[in-house]
Amino acid sequence: MKASEQGKVLSAPYVLEYTYRRSVGPVVGRFFAALAEGRILGGRTASGKIVVPPTEYDPETSDPVTDLVEVGTSGIVTSWSWAEPPRAHQPLDRPFAWALIKLDGADTSMLHAVDAGDIGKMVTGMRVRARFSAERTGNILDIACFEPETSERSAR
């Protein structure tokens, strides 16, 4: 090796791509189609539990889940973590909470963003409701985020 070549870094351009599209299947497909309509579906398991978002198979028995039921668009925050500052490609461009939300009628919690305004307004057990996107395409971002409920029911 010549002295002038020492310390040079060899490089070659390479683009890593995933040039395929994933099929979501019949259960998740129905869940996304309902989101496009402003509704949220859960999957009823063999034991009668409602799982949101629905899974293709019962997590306890591995039986297929085919019975989908509508659940509420409001629920209770069961756990949360504050995101400040938000990172690129996150659902909100301002500080927000990632929260586990147990929707009315569901037995499990789903993860989504909560636009509470500031960390002092986030509380485990608070009621939140879905804020749907103005334009919906049938994916999880059809729920833009959740926001605190301001009804009398949440003040109790």
C-alpha atoms as a PDB file:
ATOM      1  CA  MET A   1       0.000   0.000   0.000  1.00  0.00           C
ATOM      2  CA  LYS A   2       1.315   3.420  -0.902  1.00  0.00           C
ATOM      3  CA  ALA A   3       1.728   5.976   1.849  1.00  0.00           C
ATOM      4  CA  SER A   4      -0.796   8.254   0.063  1.00  0.00           C
ATOM      5  CA  GLU A   5      -3.484   5.528   0.334  1.00  0.00           C
ATOM      6  CA  GLN A   6      -3.122   5.024   4.067  1.00  0.00           C
ATOM      7  CA  GLY A   7      -6.053   6.374   6.092  1.00  0.00           C
ATOM      8  CA  LYS A   8      -8.412   6.510   3.103  1.00  0.00           C
ATOM      9  CA  VAL A   9     -11.834   5.036   3.705  1.00  0.00           C
ATOM     10  CA  LEU A  10     -13.271   2.817   1.036  1.00  0.00           C
ATOM     11  CA  SER A  11     -16.949   3.328   0.474  1.00  0.00           C
ATOM     12  CA  ALA A  12     -19.637   2.377  -1.970  1.00  0.00           C
ATOM     13  CA  PRO A  13     -23.153   3.809  -2.190  1.00  0.00           C
ATOM     14  CA  TYR A  14     -25.855   1.392  -1.077  1.00  0.00           C
ATOM     15  CA  VAL A  15     -29.550   1.953  -0.554  1.00  0.00           C
ATOM     16  CA  LEU A  16     -31.383  -0.437   1.734  1.00  0.00           C
ATOM     17  CA  GLU A  17     -34.965  -0.810   0.526  1.00  0.00           C
ATOM     18  CA  TYR A  18     -37.976  -2.925   1.307  1.00  0.00           C
ATOM     19  CA  THR A  19     -39.794  -2.931  -1.999  1.00  0.00           C
ATOM     20  CA  TYR A  20     -42.778  -4.960  -0.891  1.00  0.00           C
ATOM     21  CA  ARG A  21     -46.111  -4.147   0.727  1.00  0.00           C
ATOM     22  CA  ARG A  22     -47.430  -6.133   3.668  1.00  0.00           C
ATOM     23  CA  SER A  23     -50.918  -7.572   3.627  1.00  0.00           C
ATOM     24  CA  VAL A  24     -52.740  -6.864   6.877  1.00  0.00           C
ATOM     25  CA  GLY A  25     -55.106  -9.845   6.716  1.00  0.00           C
ATOM     26  CA  PRO A  26     -58.842 -10.031   7.379  1.00  0.00           C
ATOM     27  CA  VAL A  27     -58.890  -9.048  11.086  1.00  0.00           C
ATOM     28  CA  VAL A  28     -56.467  -6.109  11.017  1.00  0.00           C
ATOM     29  CA  GLY A  29     -57.890  -5.108   7.618  1.00  0.00           C
ATOM     30  CA  ARG A  30     -61.370  -4.765   9.137  1.00  0.00           C
ATOM     31  CA  PHE A  31     -59.877  -2.828  12.077  1.00  0.00           C
ATOM     32  CA  PHE A  32     -58.238  -0.344   9.677  1.00  0.00           C
ATOM     33  CA  ALA A  33     -61.383  -0.066   7.522  1.00  0.00           C
ATOM     34  CA  ALA A  34     -63.377   0.819  10.662  1.00  0.00           C
ATOM     35  CA  LEU A  35     -60.793   3.484  11.602  1.00  0.00           C
ATOM     36  CA  ALA A  36     -61.362   5.080   8.189  1.00  0.00           C
ATOM     37  CA  GLU A  37     -65.058   5.343   9.198  1.00  0.00           C
ATOM     38  CA  GLY A  38     -64.239   6.839  12.622  1.00  0.00           C
ATOM     39  CA  ARG A  39     -64.967   3.612  14.524  1.00  0.00           C
ATOM     40  CA  ILE A  40     -62.716   1.343  16.599  1.00  0.00           C
ATOM     41  CA  LEU A  41     -63.083  -2.444  16.602  1.00  0.00           C
ATOM     42  CA  GLY A  42     -61.813  -5.050  19.037  1.00  0.00           C
ATOM     43  CA  GLY A  43     -61.527  -8.802  18.658  1.00  0.00           C
ATOM     44  CA  ARG A  44     -63.571 -11.067  20.928  1.00  0.00           C
ATOM     45  CA  THR A  45     -61.497 -14.017  22.156  1.00  0.00           C
ATOM     46  CA  ALA A  46     -62.787 -17.493  23.056  1.00  0.00           C
ATOM     47  CA  SER A  47     -63.036 -16.427  26.722  1.00  0.00           C
ATOM     48  CA  GLY A  48     -65.067 -13.341  25.754  1.00  0.00           C
ATOM     49  CA  LYS A  49     -62.300 -10.767  26.305  1.00  0.00           C
ATOM     50  CA  ILE A  50     -62.153  -7.851  23.873  1.00  0.00           C
ATOM     51  CA  VAL A  51     -58.628  -7.191  22.552  1.00  0.00           C
ATOM     52  CA  VAL A  52     -57.849  -3.781  20.992  1.00  0.00           C
ATOM     53  CA  PRO A  53     -56.356  -3.598  18.478  1.00  0.00           C
ATOM     54  CA  PRO A  54     -57.649  -6.997  17.444  1.00  0.00           C
ATOM     55  CA  THR A  55     -55.210  -9.812  16.816  1.00  0.00           C
ATOM     56  CA  GLU A  56     -55.537 -12.627  14.294  1.00  0.00           C
ATOM     57  CA  TYR A  57     -55.252 -15.199  17.082  1.00  0.00           C
ATOM     58  CA  ASP A  58     -56.382 -15.358  20.711  1.00  0.00           C
ATOM     59  CA  PRO A  59     -53.242 -14.620  22.784  1.00  0.00           C
ATOM     60  CA  GLU A  60     -54.289 -17.187  25.427  1.00  0.00           C
ATOM     61  CA  THR A  61     -55.528 -20.108  23.300  1.00  0.00           C
ATOM     62  CA  SER A  62     -54.106 -19.409  19.810  1.00  0.00           C
ATOM     63  CA  ASP A  63     -57.616 -19.897  18.378  1.00  0.00           C
ATOM     64  CA  PRO A  64     -58.439 -17.678  15.382  1.00  0.00           C
ATOM     65  CA  VAL A  65     -60.237 -14.422  16.227  1.00  0.00           C
ATOM     66  CA  THR A  66     -63.074 -13.758  13.799  1.00  0.00           C
ATOM     67  CA  ASP A  67     -65.680 -11.934  15.912  1.00  0.00           C
ATOM     68  CA  LEU A  68     -65.040  -8.182  15.818  1.00  0.00           C
ATOM     69  CA  VAL A  69     -67.072  -5.788  17.946  1.00  0.00           C
ATOM     70  CA  GLU A  70     -67.189  -2.019  18.130  1.00  0.00           C
ATOM     71  CA  VAL A  71     -65.708  -0.458  21.264  1.00  0.00           C
ATOM     72  CA  GLY A  72     -65.827   3.120  22.465  1.00  0.00           C
ATOM     73  CA  THR A  73     -63.665   5.915  21.106  1.00  0.00           C
ATOM     74  CA  SER A  74     -62.991   7.060  24.678  1.00  0.00           C
ATOM     75  CA  GLY A  75     -61.188   5.319  27.489  1.00  0.00           C
ATOM     76  CA  ILE A  76     -58.835   5.512  30.455  1.00  0.00           C
ATOM     77  CA  VAL A  77     -55.062   6.045  30.448  1.00  0.00           C
ATOM     78  CA  THR A  78     -53.526   3.053  32.239  1.00  0.00           C
ATOM     79  CA  SER A  79     -49.879   4.105  31.843  1.00  0.00           C
ATOM     80  CA  TRP A  80     -47.957   6.845  30.037  1.00  0.00           C
ATOM     81  CA  SER A  81     -44.588   8.373  29.234  1.00  0.00           C
ATOM     82  CA  TRP A  82     -43.899  11.973  28.192  1.00  0.00           C
ATOM     83  CA  ALA A  83     -42.133  12.681  24.872  1.00  0.00           C
ATOM     84  CA  GLU A  84     -40.293  16.005  24.951  1.00  0.00           C
ATOM     85  CA  PRO A  85     -39.103  17.005  22.494  1.00  0.00           C
ATOM     86  CA  PRO A  86     -40.902  14.824  19.957  1.00  0.00           C
ATOM     87  CA  ARG A  87     -38.740  13.115  17.355  1.00  0.00           C
ATOM     88  CA  ALA A  88     -39.102  13.252  13.592  1.00  0.00           C
ATOM     89  CA  HIS A  89     -41.940  11.115  12.212  1.00  0.00           C
ATOM     90  CA  GLN A  90     -43.817  10.975  15.521  1.00  0.00           C
ATOM     91  CA  PRO A  91     -47.553  11.710  15.443  1.00  0.00           C
ATOM     92  CA  LEU A  92     -47.347  15.214  16.961  1.00  0.00           C
ATOM     93  CA  ASP A  93     -44.912  18.078  16.395  1.00  0.00           C
ATOM     94  CA  ARG A  94     -45.079  19.239  20.031  1.00  0.00           C
ATOM     95  CA  PRO A  95     -44.540  17.509  23.388  1.00  0.00           C
ATOM     96  CA  PHE A  96     -47.077  14.719  24.007  1.00  0.00           C
ATOM     97  CA  ALA A  97     -47.526  11.463  25.909  1.00  0.00           C
ATOM     98  CA  TRP A  98     -47.270   7.928  24.656  1.00  0.00           C
ATOM     99  CA  ALA A  99     -50.016   6.175  26.587  1.00  0.00           C
ATOM    100  CA  LEU A 100     -51.660   2.825  27.043  1.00  0.00           C
ATOM    101  CA  ILE A 101     -55.393   3.486  26.721  1.00  0.00           C
ATOM    102  CA  LYS A 102     -58.094   1.011  27.750  1.00  0.00           C
ATOM    103  CA  LEU A 103     -61.054   1.938  25.571  1.00  0.00           C
ATOM    104  CA  ASP A 104     -64.611   1.633  26.855  1.00  0.00           C
ATOM    105  CA  GLY A 105     -65.725  -1.942  26.214  1.00  0.00           C
ATOM    106  CA  ALA A 106     -62.161  -3.299  25.830  1.00  0.00           C
ATOM    107  CA  ASP A 107     -60.273  -5.606  28.163  1.00  0.00           C
ATOM    108  CA  THR A 108     -56.792  -4.626  26.941  1.00  0.00           C
ATOM    109  CA  SER A 109     -55.034  -1.311  26.391  1.00  0.00           C
ATOM    110  CA  MET A 110     -53.759   0.074  23.107  1.00  0.00           C
ATOM    111  CA  LEU A 111     -50.727   2.316  22.631  1.00  0.00           C
ATOM    112  CA  HIS A 112     -51.242   5.742  21.095  1.00  0.00           C
ATOM    113  CA  ALA A 113     -50.331   9.408  21.483  1.00  0.00           C
ATOM    114  CA  VAL A 114     -52.167  11.752  23.871  1.00  0.00           C
ATOM    115  CA  ASP A 115     -52.160  15.491  23.138  1.00  0.00           C
ATOM    116  CA  ALA A 116     -52.527  16.798  26.699  1.00  0.00           C
ATOM    117  CA  GLY A 117     -50.827  20.170  26.145  1.00  0.00           C
ATOM    118  CA  ASP A 118     -48.287  19.763  28.945  1.00  0.00           C
ATOM    119  CA  ILE A 119     -46.975  17.092  31.283  1.00  0.00           C
ATOM    120  CA  GLY A 120     -48.883  18.557  34.245  1.00  0.00           C
ATOM    121  CA  LYS A 121     -52.193  17.595  32.620  1.00  0.00           C
ATOM    122  CA  MET A 122     -51.294  13.895  32.205  1.00  0.00           C
ATOM    123  CA  VAL A 123     -52.551  11.582  34.938  1.00  0.00           C
ATOM    124  CA  THR A 124     -52.883   7.810  35.066  1.00  0.00           C
ATOM    125  CA  GLY A 125     -56.628   7.111  35.183  1.00  0.00           C
ATOM    126  CA  MET A 126     -57.625  10.193  33.177  1.00  0.00           C
ATOM    127  CA  ARG A 127     -60.291   9.848  30.502  1.00  0.00           C
ATOM    128  CA  VAL A 128     -59.318  10.534  26.915  1.00  0.00           C
ATOM    129  CA  ARG A 129     -61.108  10.371  23.566  1.00  0.00           C
ATOM    130  CA  ALA A 130     -59.885   9.713  20.054  1.00  0.00           C
ATOM    131  CA  ARG A 131     -59.299  12.665  17.747  1.00  0.00           C
ATOM    132  CA  PHE A 132     -59.706  11.279  14.245  1.00  0.00           C
ATOM    133  CA  SER A 133     -57.773  12.713  11.294  1.00  0.00           C
ATOM    134  CA  ALA A 134     -59.732  14.874   8.873  1.00  0.00           C
ATOM    135  CA  GLU A 135     -58.574  12.709   5.967  1.00  0.00           C
ATOM    136  CA  ARG A 136     -58.515   8.981   6.684  1.00  0.00           C
ATOM    137  CA  THR A 137     -56.842   6.247   4.654  1.00  0.00           C
ATOM    138  CA  GLY A 138     -57.401   3.090   6.695  1.00  0.00           C
ATOM    139  CA  ASN A 139     -54.356   2.942   8.969  1.00  0.00           C
ATOM    140  CA  ILE A 140     -53.537   3.608  12.626  1.00  0.00           C
ATOM    141  CA  LEU A 141     -52.838   7.286  11.877  1.00  0.00           C
ATOM    142  CA  ASP A 142     -56.564   7.699  11.175  1.00  0.00           C
ATOM    143  CA  ILE A 143     -56.564   8.297  14.923  1.00  0.00           C
ATOM    144  CA  ALA A 144     -54.493  11.486  14.938  1.00  0.00           C
ATOM    145  CA  CYS A 145     -54.135  11.165  18.713  1.00  0.00           C
ATOM    146  CA  PHE A 146     -56.185  11.016  21.872  1.00  0.00           C
ATOM    147  CA  GLU A 147     -57.053  14.110  23.898  1.00  0.00           C
ATOM    148  CA  PRO A 148     -58.326  14.630  27.442  1.00  0.00           C
ATOM    149  CA  GLU A 149     -62.114  14.492  27.805  1.00  0.00           C
ATOM    150  CA  THR A 150     -63.596  17.657  29.208  1.00  0.00           C
ATOM    151  CA  SER A 151     -67.071  16.342  29.981  1.00  0.00           C
ATOM    152  CA  GLU A 152     -68.619  16.197  33.432  1.00  0.00           C
ATOM    153  CA  ARG A 153     -68.177  12.444  33.344  1.00  0.00           C
ATOM    154  CA  SER A 154     -64.367  12.831  33.343  1.00  0.00           C
ATOM    155  CA  ALA A 155     -64.476  15.292  36.268  1.00  0.00           C
ATOM    156  CA  ARG A 156     -65.831  12.610  38.652  1.00  0.00           C
END
